[in-house]
Amino acid sequence: MIDKLKEVFPQIEKNCCLEVIFDEEFEIYDCETKKRCYIIEKNGHFKVLNPNNKDIGFLAVDKCLFFDDDNFQKCDCIIFDNYTICFIEIKECKPKRRQGHKKKAEQQLQSTIQIFTDRVKMNRKIEAYLSVGCSSTRPSRTASSKNAQAIFMRDFNALLFDGCQKEFL
């Protein structure tokens, strides 16, 4: 998949958007000043558990693969292995504003998934993560909105999750 991504999106290499991590655990940090995601060891916004030390691809999407002048909504990053690709949108917010942020995050995820399904034959299970107003210590669960779940399944054959963790088994 990495070769296909580089072929379809040549800016990946130029902008250093792609990493492969095999650590047992790492976190994704959405840097407020640079407006893009990075891999860090701890105190991030989204935790990745990798108990088998598999190769996990990390692709920074917003402000790395795509920029504001691309004129479409995009999620923050993507993580993937040989079986699953996970689109992640991270939003820090106060509980009262969470619902509005979730709707925006859903739109960003849908737009990014559409771009990738149009351009890249993924041959992987697709998952989307709404990481809205939570800490990396909260495991993900199926999204609470049955309507949003249905839309993601119907339009992208994707599972939609709320939360801040992904475990690759």
Protein backbone atom coordinates (compact mmCIF):
# COMPACT_ATOMS: atom_id res chain seq x y z
CA MET A 1 0.00 0.00 0.00
CA ILE A 2 2.85 2.39 0.74
CA ASP A 3 4.11 2.24 -2.84
CA LYS A 4 0.59 2.88 -4.16
CA LEU A 5 0.15 5.86 -1.83
CA LYS A 6 3.45 7.36 -2.98
CA GLU A 7 2.47 6.84 -6.62
CA VAL A 8 -0.98 8.44 -6.24
CA PHE A 9 0.16 11.20 -3.85
CA PRO A 10 3.78 12.10 -4.76
CA GLN A 11 3.74 14.94 -2.21
CA ILE A 12 3.94 12.30 0.54
CA GLU A 13 7.71 12.02 0.16
CA LYS A 14 8.38 15.69 -0.49
CA ASN A 15 6.43 16.73 2.63
CA CYS A 16 7.62 13.79 4.80
CA CYS A 17 4.02 12.77 5.59
CA LEU A 18 4.51 9.02 5.94
CA GLU A 19 6.18 6.98 8.69
CA VAL A 20 6.21 3.30 9.55
CA ILE A 21 6.16 2.53 13.28
CA PHE A 22 6.48 -0.88 14.90
CA ASP A 23 6.46 0.19 18.56
CA GLU A 24 4.20 -1.69 20.95
CA GLU A 25 2.49 1.58 21.82
CA PHE A 26 2.63 5.12 20.49
CA GLU A 27 0.46 8.21 20.36
CA ILE A 28 -0.63 10.70 17.75
CA TYR A 29 -0.38 14.35 18.64
CA ASP A 30 -2.32 17.00 16.71
CA CYS A 31 -0.01 20.01 17.06
CA GLU A 32 -2.06 23.17 17.53
CA THR A 33 0.65 25.52 16.25
CA LYS A 34 1.65 23.54 13.14
CA LYS A 35 -1.89 22.23 12.58
CA ARG A 36 -0.71 18.73 11.66
CA CYS A 37 -0.28 15.37 13.36
CA TYR A 38 2.93 13.78 14.59
CA ILE A 39 3.90 10.55 16.33
CA ILE A 40 5.03 10.92 19.95
CA GLU A 41 5.67 8.44 22.78
CA LYS A 42 3.07 9.74 25.25
CA ASN A 43 0.71 12.58 26.10
CA GLY A 44 -0.84 12.62 22.65
CA HIS A 45 -4.45 12.83 21.56
CA PHE A 46 -4.89 9.33 20.12
CA LYS A 47 -3.23 6.12 21.34
CA VAL A 48 -2.22 3.22 19.10
CA LEU A 49 -1.72 -0.18 20.71
CA ASN A 50 0.38 -2.62 18.73
CA PRO A 51 1.04 -5.63 21.01
CA ASN A 52 2.54 -7.72 18.19
CA ASN A 53 4.94 -4.97 17.06
CA LYS A 54 3.55 -5.02 13.52
CA ASP A 55 4.54 -2.39 10.98
CA ILE A 56 1.93 0.37 11.28
CA GLY A 57 1.81 3.08 8.63
CA PHE A 58 1.12 6.64 9.77
CA LEU A 59 0.12 9.26 7.21
CA ALA A 60 -0.29 12.91 8.25
CA VAL A 61 -3.11 14.18 6.04
CA ASP A 62 -4.08 17.71 7.10
CA LYS A 63 -1.30 20.28 6.51
CA CYS A 64 1.00 17.64 5.06
CA LEU A 65 -0.60 15.49 2.36
CA PHE A 66 -3.26 18.14 1.68
CA PHE A 67 -3.43 21.83 2.58
CA ASP A 68 -6.16 24.45 2.95
CA ASP A 69 -5.86 25.53 -0.69
CA ASP A 70 -6.98 22.03 -1.78
CA ASN A 71 -10.55 23.27 -1.10
CA PHE A 72 -12.03 20.17 0.52
CA GLN A 73 -12.41 18.94 4.05
CA LYS A 74 -9.85 16.46 5.28
CA CYS A 75 -9.25 14.38 8.38
CA ASP A 76 -6.10 14.73 10.45
CA CYS A 77 -4.32 11.45 9.78
CA ILE A 78 -4.50 7.83 8.74
CA ILE A 79 -2.99 4.73 10.32
CA PHE A 80 -2.94 1.32 8.67
CA ASP A 81 -1.58 -2.19 8.61
CA ASN A 82 -2.00 -4.95 6.01
CA TYR A 83 -5.64 -5.51 6.97
CA THR A 84 -7.14 -2.24 8.21
CA ILE A 85 -6.98 1.45 7.33
CA CYS A 86 -8.14 3.94 9.97
CA PHE A 87 -9.09 7.53 9.20
CA ILE A 88 -8.81 9.75 12.30
CA GLU A 89 -10.16 13.21 13.06
CA ILE A 90 -9.00 14.75 16.34
CA LYS A 91 -10.85 17.66 17.92
CA GLU A 92 -10.17 19.04 21.36
CA CYS A 93 -13.27 20.70 22.76
CA LYS A 94 -15.31 21.31 25.85
CA PRO A 95 -18.20 18.89 26.49
CA LYS A 96 -20.91 21.45 25.61
CA ARG A 97 -19.48 21.91 22.10
CA ARG A 98 -18.82 18.23 21.46
CA GLN A 99 -21.90 17.52 19.30
CA GLY A 100 -21.15 20.31 16.81
CA HIS A 101 -17.54 19.20 16.56
CA LYS A 102 -18.64 15.59 15.95
CA LYS A 103 -20.74 16.62 12.93
CA LYS A 104 -17.82 18.57 11.45
CA ALA A 105 -15.47 15.61 12.16
CA GLU A 106 -17.88 13.22 10.41
CA GLN A 107 -17.83 15.45 7.31
CA GLN A 108 -14.03 15.61 7.32
CA LEU A 109 -13.79 11.83 7.62
CA GLN A 110 -16.33 11.25 4.83
CA SER A 111 -14.55 13.63 2.47
CA THR A 112 -11.14 12.05 3.08
CA ILE A 113 -12.42 8.50 2.78
CA GLN A 114 -14.08 9.44 -0.51
CA ILE A 115 -10.82 10.89 -1.88
CA PHE A 116 -8.90 7.74 -0.94
CA THR A 117 -11.50 5.29 -2.22
CA ASP A 118 -11.63 7.21 -5.51
CA ARG A 119 -7.85 7.22 -5.97
CA VAL A 120 -6.42 4.20 -4.15
CA LYS A 121 -7.51 0.58 -4.26
CA MET A 122 -7.16 -0.10 -0.55
CA ASN A 123 -8.24 -3.76 -0.19
CA ARG A 124 -8.54 -3.22 3.56
CA LYS A 125 -11.22 -2.97 6.19
CA ILE A 126 -12.05 0.74 6.61
CA GLU A 127 -12.52 2.31 10.04
CA ALA A 128 -13.22 5.95 10.89
CA TYR A 129 -12.48 7.48 14.30
CA LEU A 130 -14.19 10.51 15.82
CA SER A 131 -11.65 11.51 18.44
CA VAL A 132 -13.62 14.46 19.77
CA GLY A 133 -13.04 15.92 23.20
CA CYS A 134 -11.48 12.83 24.75
CA SER A 135 -8.12 11.71 26.08
CA SER A 136 -5.92 8.99 24.63
CA THR A 137 -6.73 6.82 27.64
CA ARG A 138 -10.36 6.34 26.56
CA PRO A 139 -10.84 3.24 24.41
CA SER A 140 -12.89 3.56 21.25
CA ARG A 141 -16.37 2.18 20.90
CA THR A 142 -18.90 2.04 18.09
CA ALA A 143 -20.22 5.53 17.42
CA SER A 144 -23.35 6.44 19.37
CA SER A 145 -25.18 7.87 16.36
CA LYS A 146 -26.94 5.02 14.57
CA ASN A 147 -27.61 7.36 11.64
CA ALA A 148 -23.91 8.24 11.27
CA GLN A 149 -22.99 4.54 11.56
CA ALA A 150 -25.43 3.70 8.78
CA ILE A 151 -24.12 6.46 6.49
CA PHE A 152 -20.49 5.35 6.89
CA MET A 153 -21.43 1.71 6.27
CA ARG A 154 -23.66 2.50 3.28
CA ASP A 155 -21.37 5.00 1.57
CA PHE A 156 -17.93 3.57 2.39
CA ASN A 157 -18.40 0.11 3.89
CA ALA A 158 -16.68 1.66 6.93
CA LEU A 159 -17.13 1.21 10.66
CA LEU A 160 -17.46 4.44 12.64
CA PHE A 161 -16.00 4.72 16.16
CA ASP A 162 -16.00 7.31 18.95
CA GLY A 163 -12.82 7.38 20.96
CA CYS A 164 -9.11 7.85 21.17
CA GLN A 165 -7.56 4.40 20.85
CA LYS A 166 -6.97 1.80 18.18
CA GLU A 167 -5.51 -1.62 18.85
CA PHE A 168 -3.94 -3.56 15.98
CA LEU A 169 -3.99 -7.29 16.70
